[in-house]
N, C-alpha and C. Protein backbone atom coordinates (compact mmCIF):
# COMPACT_ATOMS: atom_id res chain seq x y z
N MET A 1 92.10 83.72 -38.16
CA MET A 1 91.91 82.36 -38.46
C MET A 1 93.27 81.53 -38.49
N LEU A 2 94.21 82.20 -39.02
CA LEU A 2 95.60 81.38 -39.30
C LEU A 2 96.21 81.43 -37.93
N LYS A 3 96.02 82.41 -37.08
CA LYS A 3 96.60 82.36 -35.82
C LYS A 3 96.25 81.21 -35.05
N TYR A 4 94.80 80.74 -35.09
CA TYR A 4 94.17 79.67 -34.53
C TYR A 4 94.83 78.31 -35.31
N ILE A 5 95.00 78.31 -36.30
CA ILE A 5 95.67 77.06 -36.94
C ILE A 5 97.07 76.81 -36.46
N ILE A 6 97.69 77.74 -36.48
CA ILE A 6 99.25 77.88 -35.98
C ILE A 6 99.21 77.16 -34.44
N ILE A 7 98.39 77.74 -33.66
CA ILE A 7 98.22 77.43 -32.31
C ILE A 7 97.87 75.90 -31.99
N TYR A 8 96.95 75.58 -33.26
CA TYR A 8 96.58 74.01 -33.28
C TYR A 8 97.65 73.32 -33.59
N LEU A 9 98.26 73.70 -34.64
CA LEU A 9 99.46 72.91 -35.09
C LEU A 9 100.43 72.77 -33.98
N SER A 10 100.87 73.78 -33.74
CA SER A 10 101.91 73.65 -32.47
C SER A 10 101.40 72.79 -31.34
N ALA A 11 100.35 72.80 -30.85
CA ALA A 11 99.63 71.89 -29.82
C ALA A 11 99.88 70.42 -30.21
N MET A 12 99.37 70.23 -31.27
CA MET A 12 99.42 68.96 -31.74
C MET A 12 100.84 68.23 -32.04
N SER A 13 101.60 69.26 -32.67
CA SER A 13 102.99 69.13 -32.73
C SER A 13 103.74 68.67 -31.26
N LEU A 14 103.55 69.32 -30.35
CA LEU A 14 104.00 69.12 -29.17
C LEU A 14 103.47 67.67 -28.46
N LEU A 15 102.27 67.54 -28.69
CA LEU A 15 101.56 66.28 -28.30
C LEU A 15 102.20 65.03 -28.62
N THR A 16 102.36 65.19 -30.15
CA THR A 16 103.01 64.17 -30.76
C THR A 16 104.32 63.66 -30.57
N PHE A 17 105.11 64.78 -30.38
CA PHE A 17 106.55 64.73 -29.98
C PHE A 17 106.70 64.07 -28.59
N ILE A 18 105.90 64.25 -27.77
CA ILE A 18 105.98 63.84 -26.37
C ILE A 18 105.61 62.37 -26.39
N LEU A 19 104.45 62.18 -27.24
CA LEU A 19 104.11 60.52 -27.26
C LEU A 19 105.05 59.71 -28.00
N PHE A 20 105.76 60.36 -29.04
CA PHE A 20 106.89 59.73 -29.70
C PHE A 20 107.90 59.25 -28.71
N GLY A 21 108.31 60.28 -27.81
CA GLY A 21 109.42 60.05 -26.71
C GLY A 21 109.00 58.87 -25.75
N ALA A 22 107.59 59.14 -25.42
CA ALA A 22 107.24 58.06 -24.30
C ALA A 22 107.09 56.62 -25.08
N ASP A 23 106.77 56.56 -26.40
CA ASP A 23 106.70 55.28 -26.81
C ASP A 23 108.17 54.62 -27.04
N LYS A 24 108.99 55.50 -27.19
CA LYS A 24 110.47 55.02 -27.45
C LYS A 24 110.99 54.59 -26.14
N HIS A 25 110.59 55.15 -24.89
CA HIS A 25 110.69 54.83 -23.58
C HIS A 25 110.22 53.58 -23.19
N LYS A 26 108.83 53.58 -23.38
CA LYS A 26 108.14 52.33 -23.21
C LYS A 26 108.91 51.05 -24.03
N ALA A 27 109.21 51.22 -25.19
CA ALA A 27 109.70 50.22 -26.19
C ALA A 27 111.13 49.75 -25.42
N ARG A 28 111.74 50.62 -24.88
CA ARG A 28 113.13 50.25 -24.11
C ARG A 28 112.84 49.37 -22.80
N ALA A 29 111.74 49.88 -22.22
CA ALA A 29 111.47 49.16 -20.97
C ALA A 29 110.66 48.13 -21.17
N HIS A 30 110.30 47.50 -22.39
CA HIS A 30 109.34 46.28 -22.46
C HIS A 30 108.26 46.37 -21.96
N LYS A 31 107.28 47.64 -22.14
CA LYS A 31 106.14 48.01 -21.42
C LYS A 31 105.02 48.26 -22.42
N TRP A 32 103.78 48.32 -22.16
CA TRP A 32 102.84 48.55 -23.12
C TRP A 32 103.08 49.69 -24.10
N ARG A 33 102.77 49.50 -25.30
CA ARG A 33 103.19 50.79 -26.24
C ARG A 33 102.23 51.54 -26.78
N ILE A 34 102.31 52.62 -27.34
CA ILE A 34 101.24 53.33 -27.98
C ILE A 34 101.36 52.85 -29.30
N PRO A 35 100.01 52.45 -29.69
CA PRO A 35 99.68 52.02 -31.09
C PRO A 35 100.18 52.91 -32.33
N GLU A 36 100.79 52.34 -33.14
CA GLU A 36 101.32 52.90 -34.29
C GLU A 36 100.25 53.90 -34.84
N LYS A 37 98.81 53.35 -35.13
CA LYS A 37 97.79 54.19 -35.66
C LYS A 37 97.53 55.48 -34.86
N THR A 38 97.85 55.55 -33.44
CA THR A 38 97.83 56.66 -32.66
C THR A 38 98.82 57.76 -33.18
N LEU A 39 100.10 57.25 -33.33
CA LEU A 39 101.18 58.18 -33.56
C LEU A 39 100.88 58.61 -35.02
N LEU A 40 100.49 57.74 -36.06
CA LEU A 40 100.43 58.20 -37.51
C LEU A 40 99.23 59.14 -37.45
N GLY A 41 98.06 58.69 -36.80
CA GLY A 41 96.77 59.63 -36.77
C GLY A 41 97.07 61.07 -36.27
N LEU A 42 97.81 61.03 -34.97
CA LEU A 42 98.05 62.55 -34.63
C LEU A 42 99.08 63.25 -35.44
N SER A 43 99.76 62.59 -36.27
CA SER A 43 100.69 63.30 -37.25
C SER A 43 99.78 63.74 -38.36
N LEU A 44 98.85 63.10 -38.89
CA LEU A 44 97.95 63.64 -39.77
C LEU A 44 96.95 64.66 -39.27
N LEU A 45 96.59 64.49 -37.99
CA LEU A 45 95.77 65.69 -37.50
C LEU A 45 96.41 66.73 -37.19
N GLY A 46 97.78 66.97 -37.61
CA GLY A 46 98.60 68.40 -37.48
C GLY A 46 99.94 68.23 -36.78
N GLY A 47 100.28 67.07 -36.12
CA GLY A 47 101.38 66.80 -35.40
C GLY A 47 102.76 66.35 -36.12
N PHE A 48 102.49 66.89 -37.51
CA PHE A 48 103.54 66.20 -38.41
C PHE A 48 104.96 66.68 -37.99
N ALA A 49 104.97 68.20 -37.37
CA ALA A 49 106.32 68.65 -37.16
C ALA A 49 106.98 67.93 -36.08
N GLY A 50 106.01 67.79 -35.10
CA GLY A 50 106.38 66.91 -33.73
C GLY A 50 106.81 65.51 -34.14
N GLY A 51 105.89 64.94 -34.88
CA GLY A 51 106.24 63.43 -35.16
C GLY A 51 107.52 63.29 -36.13
N PHE A 52 107.88 64.28 -36.88
CA PHE A 52 109.12 64.29 -37.63
C PHE A 52 110.32 64.42 -36.57
N LEU A 53 110.26 65.41 -35.77
CA LEU A 53 111.31 65.70 -34.84
C LEU A 53 111.25 64.67 -33.63
N GLY A 54 110.18 64.06 -33.38
CA GLY A 54 110.27 62.75 -32.43
C GLY A 54 111.10 61.88 -33.06
N MET A 55 110.73 61.58 -34.49
CA MET A 55 111.24 60.38 -35.05
C MET A 55 112.97 60.67 -35.07
N GLU A 56 113.21 61.78 -35.42
CA GLU A 56 114.82 61.91 -35.37
C GLU A 56 115.41 62.18 -33.88
N PHE A 57 114.74 62.80 -33.33
CA PHE A 57 115.40 63.19 -31.87
C PHE A 57 115.28 61.82 -31.12
N PHE A 58 114.42 61.11 -30.83
CA PHE A 58 114.30 59.69 -30.25
C PHE A 58 115.09 58.68 -31.04
N ARG A 59 115.25 58.63 -32.39
CA ARG A 59 115.53 57.77 -33.18
C ARG A 59 114.49 56.56 -33.06
N HIS A 60 113.37 57.04 -33.34
CA HIS A 60 112.15 55.93 -33.03
C HIS A 60 111.43 55.77 -34.54
N LYS A 61 110.96 54.74 -34.82
CA LYS A 61 110.28 54.51 -36.00
C LYS A 61 110.92 54.88 -37.24
N THR A 62 112.05 55.22 -37.23
CA THR A 62 112.86 55.62 -38.62
C THR A 62 113.08 54.59 -39.39
N LYS A 63 112.87 53.31 -39.20
CA LYS A 63 112.94 52.24 -40.18
C LYS A 63 111.71 51.86 -40.92
N HIS A 64 110.80 52.83 -40.57
CA HIS A 64 109.45 52.36 -40.87
C HIS A 64 109.06 53.46 -42.01
N TRP A 65 109.15 53.14 -43.38
CA TRP A 65 109.04 53.98 -44.55
C TRP A 65 107.65 54.80 -44.36
N TYR A 66 106.53 54.09 -43.95
CA TYR A 66 104.96 54.58 -43.97
C TYR A 66 105.18 55.88 -43.09
N PHE A 67 105.96 55.76 -41.85
CA PHE A 67 105.88 56.85 -41.18
C PHE A 67 106.41 58.25 -41.75
N TYR A 68 107.64 58.13 -42.56
CA TYR A 68 108.00 59.27 -43.44
C TYR A 68 106.89 59.89 -44.26
N MET A 69 106.06 58.76 -44.88
CA MET A 69 105.29 59.35 -45.98
C MET A 69 104.13 59.91 -45.22
N VAL A 70 103.79 59.29 -44.23
CA VAL A 70 102.59 60.23 -43.59
C VAL A 70 103.02 61.57 -43.11
N MET A 71 104.33 61.73 -42.66
CA MET A 71 104.73 62.97 -42.30
C MET A 71 104.55 64.01 -43.56
N ILE A 72 105.06 63.29 -44.89
CA ILE A 72 105.10 64.40 -45.86
C ILE A 72 103.83 64.65 -46.46
N ILE A 73 102.95 63.56 -46.53
CA ILE A 73 101.35 63.58 -46.81
C ILE A 73 100.80 64.62 -45.99
N SER A 74 101.06 64.64 -44.66
CA SER A 74 100.49 65.40 -43.64
C SER A 74 100.91 67.02 -43.90
N LEU A 75 101.98 67.20 -43.94
CA LEU A 75 102.78 68.41 -44.50
C LEU A 75 102.25 69.10 -45.57
N ALA A 76 102.08 68.49 -46.58
CA ALA A 76 101.35 68.77 -47.92
C ALA A 76 99.92 69.05 -47.50
N LEU A 77 99.22 68.34 -46.99
CA LEU A 77 97.72 68.83 -46.70
C LEU A 77 97.65 70.03 -45.90
N TRP A 78 98.40 70.01 -44.78
CA TRP A 78 98.39 71.17 -44.03
C TRP A 78 98.88 72.73 -44.60
N ALA A 79 99.75 72.33 -45.42
CA ALA A 79 100.29 73.39 -46.27
C ALA A 79 99.02 74.00 -47.33
N PHE A 80 98.50 73.11 -47.77
CA PHE A 80 97.30 73.44 -48.64
C PHE A 80 96.20 74.16 -47.90
N ILE A 81 95.87 73.42 -46.80
CA ILE A 81 94.86 74.26 -45.86
C ILE A 81 95.32 75.63 -45.40
N ILE A 82 96.61 75.82 -44.91
CA ILE A 82 96.93 77.27 -44.67
C ILE A 82 97.00 78.10 -45.97
N TYR A 83 97.19 77.62 -47.14
CA TYR A 83 97.32 78.37 -48.31
C TYR A 83 95.77 78.66 -48.62
N LYS A 84 94.77 77.87 -48.46
CA LYS A 84 93.43 78.34 -48.62
C LYS A 84 93.01 79.23 -47.76
N VAL A 85 93.37 79.11 -46.40
CA VAL A 85 93.12 80.28 -45.41
C VAL A 85 93.44 81.35 -45.84
N ILE A 86 94.74 81.35 -46.19
CA ILE A 86 95.57 82.54 -46.65
C ILE A 86 94.86 83.46 -47.70
N ALA A 87 94.59 82.52 -48.77
CA ALA A 87 93.88 83.05 -49.98
C ALA A 87 92.69 83.59 -49.81
N GLU A 88 91.57 83.27 -48.63
CA GLU A 88 90.35 83.77 -48.51
C GLU A 88 90.31 85.18 -48.20
């Protein structure tokens, strides 16, 4: 079960990282943007690592404190889930 969680979190993180980069590119080009709730939602659904790396790598959404808060909450949530899976 843990193996599947790790694969899931990796896939979600990759997707979230890519979308942070795409949104930054669109912001610079003054094009249609990816909604913040999509970026935050993907982070909560397991893409927190990709979200945090995307924020730092692309220097995107770093002035919004709530993005950092969602990353921390999501990390804690998934750490708890993994702990529960390992404890079983």
